[in-house]
Amino acid sequence: SDLGGFRVNAELQARSNIWVAGDAACFYDLK
């Protein structure tokens, strides 16, 4: 809701068997 894009974890996984990359990915940066 804040940054836009599909929320994914640090492995770029949105949910089981779905990954998102690039501009559309709201990912968790480990740092």
Full PDB file with SEQRES, HELIX, SHEET, SSBOND, CRYST1, ORIGX, SCALE, CONECT and MASTER records, all heavy atoms in Angstrom:
SEQRES   1 A   31  SER ASP LEU GLY GLY PHE ARG VAL ASN ALA GLU LEU GLN          
SEQRES   2 A   31  ALA ARG SER ASN ILE TRP VAL ALA GLY ASP ALA ALA CYS          
SEQRES   3 A   31  PHE TYR ASP LEU LYS                                          
HELIX    1 AA1 GLY A   22  ALA A   24  5                                   3    
SHEET    1 AA1 2 PHE A   6  ARG A   7  0                                        
SHEET    2 AA1 2 ALA A  25  CYS A  26  1                                        
SHEET    1 AA2 2 GLN A  13  ARG A  15  0                                        
SHEET    2 AA2 2 ILE A  18  TRP A  19 -1                                        
CRYST1    1.000    1.000    1.000  90.00  90.00  90.00 P 1           1          
ORIGX1      1.000000  0.000000  0.000000        0.00000                         
ORIGX2      0.000000  1.000000  0.000000        0.00000                         
ORIGX3      0.000000  0.000000  1.000000        0.00000                         
SCALE1      1.000000  0.000000  0.000000        0.00000                         
SCALE2      0.000000  1.000000  0.000000        0.00000                         
SCALE3      0.000000  0.000000  1.000000        0.00000                         
ATOM      1  N   SER A   1       0.809  -1.218   0.000  1.00  0.00           N  
ATOM      2  CA  SER A   1       0.000   0.000   0.000  1.00  0.00           C  
ATOM      3  C   SER A   1       0.842   1.269   0.000  1.00  0.00           C  
ATOM      4  O   SER A   1       0.384   2.329  -0.432  1.00  0.00           O  
ATOM      5  CB  SER A   1      -0.939   0.008   1.217  1.00  0.00           C  
ATOM      6  OG  SER A   1      -0.190  -0.089   2.418  1.00  0.00           O  
ATOM      7  N   ASP A   2       2.083   1.180   0.458  1.00  0.00           N  
ATOM      8  CA  ASP A   2       2.938   2.366   0.532  1.00  0.00           C  
ATOM      9  C   ASP A   2       3.800   2.552  -0.710  1.00  0.00           C  
ATOM     10  O   ASP A   2       3.870   3.645  -1.273  1.00  0.00           O  
ATOM     11  CB  ASP A   2       3.842   2.288   1.763  1.00  0.00           C  
ATOM     12  CG  ASP A   2       3.058   2.330   3.064  1.00  0.00           C  
ATOM     13  OD1 ASP A   2       2.026   3.040   3.105  1.00  0.00           O  
ATOM     14  OD2 ASP A   2       3.456   1.646   4.019  1.00  0.00           O  
ATOM     15  N   LEU A   3       4.450   1.499  -1.149  1.00  0.00           N  
ATOM     16  CA  LEU A   3       5.413   1.596  -2.245  1.00  0.00           C  
ATOM     17  C   LEU A   3       4.839   1.152  -3.580  1.00  0.00           C  
ATOM     18  O   LEU A   3       5.425   1.422  -4.631  1.00  0.00           O  
ATOM     19  CB  LEU A   3       6.655   0.757  -1.920  1.00  0.00           C  
ATOM     20  CG  LEU A   3       7.399   1.156  -0.640  1.00  0.00           C  
ATOM     21  CD1 LEU A   3       8.534   0.187  -0.360  1.00  0.00           C  
ATOM     22  CD2 LEU A   3       7.927   2.575  -0.738  1.00  0.00           C  
ATOM     23  N   GLY A   4       3.698   0.457  -3.565  1.00  0.00           N  
ATOM     24  CA  GLY A   4       3.147  -0.072  -4.803  1.00  0.00           C  
ATOM     25  C   GLY A   4       3.856  -1.348  -5.208  1.00  0.00           C  
ATOM     26  O   GLY A   4       4.909  -1.716  -4.674  1.00  0.00           O  
ATOM     27  N   GLY A   5       3.308  -2.046  -6.167  1.00  0.00           N  
ATOM     28  CA  GLY A   5       3.921  -3.272  -6.647  1.00  0.00           C  
ATOM     29  C   GLY A   5       3.525  -4.492  -5.829  1.00  0.00           C  
ATOM     30  O   GLY A   5       2.932  -4.384  -4.754  1.00  0.00           O  
ATOM     31  N   PHE A   6       3.867  -5.659  -6.354  1.00  0.00           N  
ATOM     32  CA  PHE A   6       3.566  -6.928  -5.686  1.00  0.00           C  
ATOM     33  C   PHE A   6       4.556  -7.140  -4.540  1.00  0.00           C  
ATOM     34  O   PHE A   6       5.764  -7.070  -4.733  1.00  0.00           O  
ATOM     35  CB  PHE A   6       3.677  -8.089  -6.679  1.00  0.00           C  
ATOM     36  CG  PHE A   6       2.726  -7.998  -7.827  1.00  0.00           C  
ATOM     37  CD1 PHE A   6       3.153  -7.556  -9.070  1.00  0.00           C  
ATOM     38  CD2 PHE A   6       1.387  -8.368  -7.691  1.00  0.00           C  
ATOM     39  CE1 PHE A   6       2.280  -7.482 -10.140  1.00  0.00           C  
ATOM     40  CE2 PHE A   6       0.511  -8.297  -8.750  1.00  0.00           C  
ATOM     41  CZ  PHE A   6       0.948  -7.850  -9.982  1.00  0.00           C  
ATOM     42  N   ARG A   7       4.033  -7.421  -3.374  1.00  0.00           N  
ATOM     43  CA  ARG A   7       4.895  -7.667  -2.210  1.00  0.00           C  
ATOM     44  C   ARG A   7       5.520  -9.040  -2.302  1.00  0.00           C  
ATOM     45  O   ARG A   7       4.829 -10.041  -2.441  1.00  0.00           O  
ATOM     46  CB  ARG A   7       4.047  -7.584  -0.943  1.00  0.00           C  
ATOM     47  CG  ARG A   7       4.533  -6.555   0.060  1.00  0.00           C  
ATOM     48  CD  ARG A   7       3.572  -6.497   1.220  1.00  0.00           C  
ATOM     49  NE  ARG A   7       4.233  -6.711   2.471  1.00  0.00           N  
ATOM     50  CZ  ARG A   7       4.784  -5.759   3.192  1.00  0.00           C  
ATOM     51  NH1 ARG A   7       4.738  -4.520   2.769  1.00  0.00           N  
ATOM     52  NH2 ARG A   7       5.386  -6.035   4.318  1.00  0.00           N  
ATOM     53  N   VAL A   8       6.865  -9.097  -2.229  1.00  0.00           N  
ATOM     54  CA  VAL A   8       7.581 -10.367  -2.285  1.00  0.00           C  
ATOM     55  C   VAL A   8       8.584 -10.424  -1.145  1.00  0.00           C  
ATOM     56  O   VAL A   8       8.920  -9.399  -0.535  1.00  0.00           O  
ATOM     57  CB  VAL A   8       8.310 -10.558  -3.636  1.00  0.00           C  
ATOM     58  CG1 VAL A   8       7.324 -10.581  -4.786  1.00  0.00           C  
ATOM     59  CG2 VAL A   8       9.351  -9.457  -3.862  1.00  0.00           C  
ATOM     60  N   ASN A   9       9.093 -11.619  -0.859  1.00  0.00           N  
ATOM     61  CA  ASN A   9      10.095 -11.760   0.197  1.00  0.00           C  
ATOM     62  C   ASN A   9      11.500 -11.526  -0.367  1.00  0.00           C  
ATOM     63  O   ASN A   9      11.655 -11.083  -1.513  1.00  0.00           O  
ATOM     64  CB  ASN A   9       9.965 -13.132   0.868  1.00  0.00           C  
ATOM     65  CG  ASN A   9      10.179 -14.287  -0.110  1.00  0.00           C  
ATOM     66  OD1 ASN A   9      10.739 -14.105  -1.194  1.00  0.00           O  
ATOM     67  ND2 ASN A   9       9.749 -15.480   0.283  1.00  0.00           N  
ATOM     68  N   ALA A  10      12.508 -11.835   0.418  1.00  0.00           N  
ATOM     69  CA  ALA A  10      13.884 -11.598  -0.015  1.00  0.00           C  
ATOM     70  C   ALA A  10      14.291 -12.490  -1.172  1.00  0.00           C  
ATOM     71  O   ALA A  10      15.271 -12.220  -1.871  1.00  0.00           O  
ATOM     72  CB  ALA A  10      14.844 -11.796   1.157  1.00  0.00           C  
ATOM     73  N   GLU A  11      13.543 -13.570  -1.406  1.00  0.00           N  
ATOM     74  CA  GLU A  11      13.818 -14.464  -2.546  1.00  0.00           C  
ATOM     75  C   GLU A  11      12.952 -14.104  -3.756  1.00  0.00           C  
ATOM     76  O   GLU A  11      12.899 -14.853  -4.726  1.00  0.00           O  
ATOM     77  CB  GLU A  11      13.564 -15.918  -2.141  1.00  0.00           C  
ATOM     78  CG  GLU A  11      14.596 -16.501  -1.182  1.00  0.00           C  
ATOM     79  CD  GLU A  11      14.393 -16.002   0.251  1.00  0.00           C  
ATOM     80  OE1 GLU A  11      13.225 -15.808   0.649  1.00  0.00           O  
ATOM     81  OE2 GLU A  11      15.401 -15.795   0.947  1.00  0.00           O  
ATOM     82  N   LEU A  12      12.248 -12.961  -3.683  1.00  0.00           N  
ATOM     83  CA  LEU A  12      11.386 -12.456  -4.753  1.00  0.00           C  
ATOM     84  C   LEU A  12      10.143 -13.313  -4.967  1.00  0.00           C  
ATOM     85  O   LEU A  12       9.532 -13.290  -6.032  1.00  0.00           O  
ATOM     86  CB  LEU A  12      12.163 -12.318  -6.076  1.00  0.00           C  
ATOM     87  CG  LEU A  12      13.446 -11.489  -6.009  1.00  0.00           C  
ATOM     88  CD1 LEU A  12      14.129 -11.445  -7.379  1.00  0.00           C  
ATOM     89  CD2 LEU A  12      13.158 -10.075  -5.534  1.00  0.00           C  
ATOM     90  N   GLN A  13       9.750 -14.068  -3.951  1.00  0.00           N  
ATOM     91  CA  GLN A  13       8.582 -14.932  -4.056  1.00  0.00           C  
ATOM     92  C   GLN A  13       7.367 -14.228  -3.460  1.00  0.00           C  
ATOM     93  O   GLN A  13       7.397 -13.751  -2.323  1.00  0.00           O  
ATOM     94  CB  GLN A  13       8.820 -16.253  -3.331  1.00  0.00           C  
ATOM     95  CG  GLN A  13       7.731 -17.283  -3.559  1.00  0.00           C  
ATOM     96  CD  GLN A  13       8.090 -18.637  -2.969  1.00  0.00           C  
ATOM     97  OE1 GLN A  13       8.838 -18.721  -1.993  1.00  0.00           O  
ATOM     98  NE2 GLN A  13       7.575 -19.696  -3.543  1.00  0.00           N  
ATOM     99  N   ALA A  14       6.287 -14.177  -4.247  1.00  0.00           N  
ATOM    100  CA  ALA A  14       5.049 -13.545  -3.795  1.00  0.00           C  
ATOM    101  C   ALA A  14       4.190 -14.526  -3.002  1.00  0.00           C  
ATOM    102  O   ALA A  14       3.623 -14.177  -1.964  1.00  0.00           O  
ATOM    103  CB  ALA A  14       4.265 -13.009  -4.992  1.00  0.00           C  
ATOM    104  N   ARG A  15       4.087 -15.719  -3.507  1.00  0.00           N  
ATOM    105  CA  ARG A  15       3.410 -16.819  -2.811  1.00  0.00           C  
ATOM    106  C   ARG A  15       3.859 -18.107  -3.479  1.00  0.00           C  
ATOM    107  O   ARG A  15       4.697 -18.078  -4.379  1.00  0.00           O  
ATOM    108  CB  ARG A  15       1.884 -16.667  -2.830  1.00  0.00           C  
ATOM    109  CG  ARG A  15       1.259 -16.462  -4.188  1.00  0.00           C  
ATOM    110  CD  ARG A  15      -0.229 -16.179  -4.093  1.00  0.00           C  
ATOM    111  NE  ARG A  15      -0.973 -17.285  -3.518  1.00  0.00           N  
ATOM    112  CZ  ARG A  15      -1.560 -18.224  -4.252  1.00  0.00           C  
ATOM    113  NH1 ARG A  15      -1.501 -18.181  -5.561  1.00  0.00           N  
ATOM    114  NH2 ARG A  15      -2.208 -19.210  -3.679  1.00  0.00           N  
ATOM    115  N   SER A  16       3.324 -19.227  -3.057  1.00  0.00           N  
ATOM    116  CA  SER A  16       3.792 -20.505  -3.573  1.00  0.00           C  
ATOM    117  C   SER A  16       3.757 -20.537  -5.098  1.00  0.00           C  
ATOM    118  O   SER A  16       2.727 -20.267  -5.721  1.00  0.00           O  
ATOM    119  CB  SER A  16       2.912 -21.629  -3.015  1.00  0.00           C  
ATOM    120  OG  SER A  16       3.341 -22.881  -3.503  1.00  0.00           O  
ATOM    121  N   ASN A  17       4.924 -20.809  -5.693  1.00  0.00           N  
ATOM    122  CA  ASN A  17       5.071 -20.958  -7.147  1.00  0.00           C  
ATOM    123  C   ASN A  17       4.869 -19.677  -7.939  1.00  0.00           C  
ATOM    124  O   ASN A  17       4.663 -19.718  -9.156  1.00  0.00           O  
ATOM    125  CB  ASN A  17       4.120 -22.039  -7.681  1.00  0.00           C  
ATOM    126  CG  ASN A  17       4.432 -23.405  -7.114  1.00  0.00           C  
ATOM    127  OD1 ASN A  17       5.606 -23.748  -6.917  1.00  0.00           O  
ATOM    128  ND2 ASN A  17       3.406 -24.184  -6.808  1.00  0.00           N  
ATOM    129  N   ILE A  18       4.953 -18.506  -7.295  1.00  0.00           N  
ATOM    130  CA  ILE A  18       4.860 -17.227  -8.013  1.00  0.00           C  
ATOM    131  C   ILE A  18       5.999 -16.322  -7.550  1.00  0.00           C  
ATOM    132  O   ILE A  18       6.157 -16.053  -6.359  1.00  0.00           O  
ATOM    133  CB  ILE A  18       3.511 -16.525  -7.768  1.00  0.00           C  
ATOM    134  CG1 ILE A  18       2.355 -17.383  -8.272  1.00  0.00           C  
ATOM    135  CG2 ILE A  18       3.486 -15.165  -8.492  1.00  0.00           C  
ATOM    136  CD1 ILE A  18       0.988 -16.763  -8.022  1.00  0.00           C  
ATOM    137  N   TRP A  19       6.803 -15.857  -8.496  1.00  0.00           N  
ATOM    138  CA  TRP A  19       7.891 -14.929  -8.233  1.00  0.00           C  
ATOM    139  C   TRP A  19       7.675 -13.654  -9.042  1.00  0.00           C  
ATOM    140  O   TRP A  19       7.072 -13.697 -10.122  1.00  0.00           O  
ATOM    141  CB  TRP A  19       9.240 -15.544  -8.619  1.00  0.00           C  
ATOM    142  CG  TRP A  19       9.723 -16.615  -7.689  1.00  0.00           C  
ATOM    143  CD1 TRP A  19      10.660 -16.477  -6.705  1.00  0.00           C  
ATOM    144  CD2 TRP A  19       9.314 -17.984  -7.655  1.00  0.00           C  
ATOM    145  NE1 TRP A  19      10.848 -17.680  -6.053  1.00  0.00           N  
ATOM    146  CE2 TRP A  19      10.034 -18.623  -6.626  1.00  0.00           C  
ATOM    147  CE3 TRP A  19       8.394 -18.729  -8.401  1.00  0.00           C  
ATOM    148  CZ2 TRP A  19       9.875 -19.965  -6.309  1.00  0.00           C  
ATOM    149  CZ3 TRP A  19       8.230 -20.062  -8.090  1.00  0.00           C  
ATOM    150  CH2 TRP A  19       8.962 -20.674  -7.059  1.00  0.00           C  
ATOM    151  N   VAL A  20       8.156 -12.539  -8.548  1.00  0.00           N  
ATOM    152  CA  VAL A  20       8.027 -11.254  -9.239  1.00  0.00           C  
ATOM    153  C   VAL A  20       9.384 -10.559  -9.242  1.00  0.00           C  
ATOM    154  O   VAL A  20      10.072 -10.540  -8.215  1.00  0.00           O  
ATOM    155  CB  VAL A  20       6.986 -10.339  -8.555  1.00  0.00           C  
ATOM    156  CG1 VAL A  20       6.810  -9.051  -9.350  1.00  0.00           C  
ATOM    157  CG2 VAL A  20       5.646 -11.056  -8.403  1.00  0.00           C  
ATOM    158  N   ALA A  21       9.773  -9.989 -10.364  1.00  0.00           N  
ATOM    159  CA  ALA A  21      11.058  -9.292 -10.475  1.00  0.00           C  
ATOM    160  C   ALA A  21      10.853  -7.933 -11.134  1.00  0.00           C  
ATOM    161  O   ALA A  21       9.775  -7.623 -11.638  1.00  0.00           O  
ATOM    162  CB  ALA A  21      12.045 -10.136 -11.284  1.00  0.00           C  
ATOM    163  N   GLY A  22      11.915  -7.117 -11.114  1.00  0.00           N  
ATOM    164  CA  GLY A  22      11.880  -5.828 -11.800  1.00  0.00           C  
ATOM    165  C   GLY A  22      11.089  -4.766 -11.065  1.00  0.00           C  
ATOM    166  O   GLY A  22      10.878  -4.831  -9.853  1.00  0.00           O  
ATOM    167  N   ASP A  23      10.628  -3.759 -11.819  1.00  0.00           N  
ATOM    168  CA  ASP A  23       9.943  -2.603 -11.240  1.00  0.00           C  
ATOM    169  C   ASP A  23       8.686  -2.976 -10.471  1.00  0.00           C  
ATOM    170  O   ASP A  23       8.269  -2.262  -9.557  1.00  0.00           O  
ATOM    171  CB  ASP A  23       9.553  -1.612 -12.342  1.00  0.00           C  
ATOM    172  CG  ASP A  23      10.743  -1.113 -13.137  1.00  0.00           C  
ATOM    173  OD1 ASP A  23      11.877  -1.420 -12.747  1.00  0.00           O  
ATOM    174  OD2 ASP A  23      10.538  -0.419 -14.144  1.00  0.00           O  
ATOM    175  N   ALA A  24       8.044  -4.081 -10.838  1.00  0.00           N  
ATOM    176  CA  ALA A  24       6.771  -4.459 -10.219  1.00  0.00           C  
ATOM    177  C   ALA A  24       6.943  -5.128  -8.867  1.00  0.00           C  
ATOM    178  O   ALA A  24       5.965  -5.329  -8.151  1.00  0.00           O  
ATOM    179  CB  ALA A  24       5.994  -5.396 -11.151  1.00  0.00           C  
ATOM    180  N   ALA A  25       8.170  -5.465  -8.489  1.00  0.00           N  
ATOM    181  CA  ALA A  25       8.416  -6.193  -7.247  1.00  0.00           C  
ATOM    182  C   ALA A  25       8.687  -5.235  -6.090  1.00  0.00           C  
ATOM    183  O   ALA A  25       9.599  -4.401  -6.160  1.00  0.00           O  
ATOM    184  CB  ALA A  25       9.602  -7.140  -7.412  1.00  0.00           C  
ATOM    185  N   CYS A  26       7.911  -5.340  -5.033  1.00  0.00           N  
ATOM    186  CA  CYS A  26       8.200  -4.629  -3.784  1.00  0.00           C  
ATOM    187  C   CYS A  26       8.862  -5.656  -2.873  1.00  0.00           C  
ATOM    188  O   CYS A  26       8.189  -6.463  -2.231  1.00  0.00           O  
ATOM    189  CB  CYS A  26       6.917  -4.074  -3.177  1.00  0.00           C  
ATOM    190  SG  CYS A  26       7.205  -3.120  -1.677  1.00  0.00           S  
ATOM    191  N   PHE A  27      10.169  -5.668  -2.853  1.00  0.00           N  
ATOM    192  CA  PHE A  27      10.925  -6.757  -2.247  1.00  0.00           C  
ATOM    193  C   PHE A  27      11.486  -6.373  -0.879  1.00  0.00           C  
ATOM    194  O   PHE A  27      11.561  -5.194  -0.526  1.00  0.00           O  
ATOM    195  CB  PHE A  27      12.075  -7.187  -3.170  1.00  0.00           C  
ATOM    196  CG  PHE A  27      13.114  -6.114  -3.397  1.00  0.00           C  
ATOM    197  CD1 PHE A  27      14.310  -6.126  -2.687  1.00  0.00           C  
ATOM    198  CD2 PHE A  27      12.913  -5.109  -4.333  1.00  0.00           C  
ATOM    199  CE1 PHE A  27      15.277  -5.149  -2.893  1.00  0.00           C  
ATOM    200  CE2 PHE A  27      13.870  -4.123  -4.550  1.00  0.00           C  
ATOM    201  CZ  PHE A  27      15.047  -4.143  -3.825  1.00  0.00           C  
ATOM    202  N   TYR A  28      11.883  -7.390  -0.133  1.00  0.00           N  
ATOM    203  CA  TYR A  28      12.502  -7.153   1.170  1.00  0.00           C  
ATOM    204  C   TYR A  28      14.013  -7.165   1.005  1.00  0.00           C  
ATOM    205  O   TYR A  28      14.613  -8.188   0.693  1.00  0.00           O  
ATOM    206  CB  TYR A  28      12.082  -8.195   2.207  1.00  0.00           C  
ATOM    207  CG  TYR A  28      12.675  -7.915   3.562  1.00  0.00           C  
ATOM    208  CD1 TYR A  28      12.182  -6.875   4.333  1.00  0.00           C  
ATOM    209  CD2 TYR A  28      13.752  -8.644   4.044  1.00  0.00           C  
ATOM    210  CE1 TYR A  28      12.742  -6.575   5.567  1.00  0.00           C  
ATOM    211  CE2 TYR A  28      14.322  -8.355   5.276  1.00  0.00           C  
ATOM    212  CZ  TYR A  28      13.803  -7.314   6.032  1.00  0.00           C  
ATOM    213  OH  TYR A  28      14.369  -7.008   7.241  1.00  0.00           O  
ATOM    214  N   ASP A  29      14.626  -5.992   1.187  1.00  0.00           N  
ATOM    215  CA  ASP A  29      16.077  -5.841   1.120  1.00  0.00           C  
ATOM    216  C   ASP A  29      16.646  -6.224   2.482  1.00  0.00           C  
ATOM    217  O   ASP A  29      16.301  -5.628   3.503  1.00  0.00           O  
ATOM    218  CB  ASP A  29      16.415  -4.385   0.775  1.00  0.00           C  
ATOM    219  CG  ASP A  29      17.900  -4.158   0.530  1.00  0.00           C  
ATOM    220  OD1 ASP A  29      18.720  -4.665   1.318  1.00  0.00           O  
ATOM    221  OD2 ASP A  29      18.237  -3.455  -0.444  1.00  0.00           O  
ATOM    222  N   LEU A  30      17.528  -7.216   2.507  1.00  0.00           N  
ATOM    223  CA  LEU A  30      18.060  -7.736   3.769  1.00  0.00           C  
ATOM    224  C   LEU A  30      18.833  -6.689   4.563  1.00  0.00           C  
ATOM    225  O   LEU A  30      18.975  -6.805   5.778  1.00  0.00           O  
ATOM    226  CB  LEU A  30      18.953  -8.942   3.490  1.00  0.00           C  
ATOM    227  CG  LEU A  30      18.233 -10.176   2.905  1.00  0.00           C  
ATOM    228  CD1 LEU A  30      19.241 -11.225   2.492  1.00  0.00           C  
ATOM    229  CD2 LEU A  30      17.247 -10.746   3.899  1.00  0.00           C  
ATOM    230  N   LYS A  31      19.323  -5.659   3.890  1.00  0.00           N  
ATOM    231  CA  LYS A  31      20.078  -4.606   4.568  1.00  0.00           C  
ATOM    232  C   LYS A  31      19.260  -3.339   4.796  1.00  0.00           C  
ATOM    233  O   LYS A  31      19.402  -2.673   5.822  1.00  0.00           O  
ATOM    234  CB  LYS A  31      21.333  -4.251   3.753  1.00  0.00           C  
ATOM    235  CG  LYS A  31      22.480  -5.217   3.954  1.00  0.00           C  
ATOM    236  CD  LYS A  31      23.003  -5.126   5.391  1.00  0.00           C  
ATOM    237  CE  LYS A  31      24.151  -6.093   5.627  1.00  0.00           C  
ATOM    238  NZ  LYS A  31      24.617  -6.054   7.036  1.00  0.00           N  
TER     239      LYS A  31                                                      
MASTER        0    0    0    1    4    0    0    6  238    1    0    3          
END                                                                             
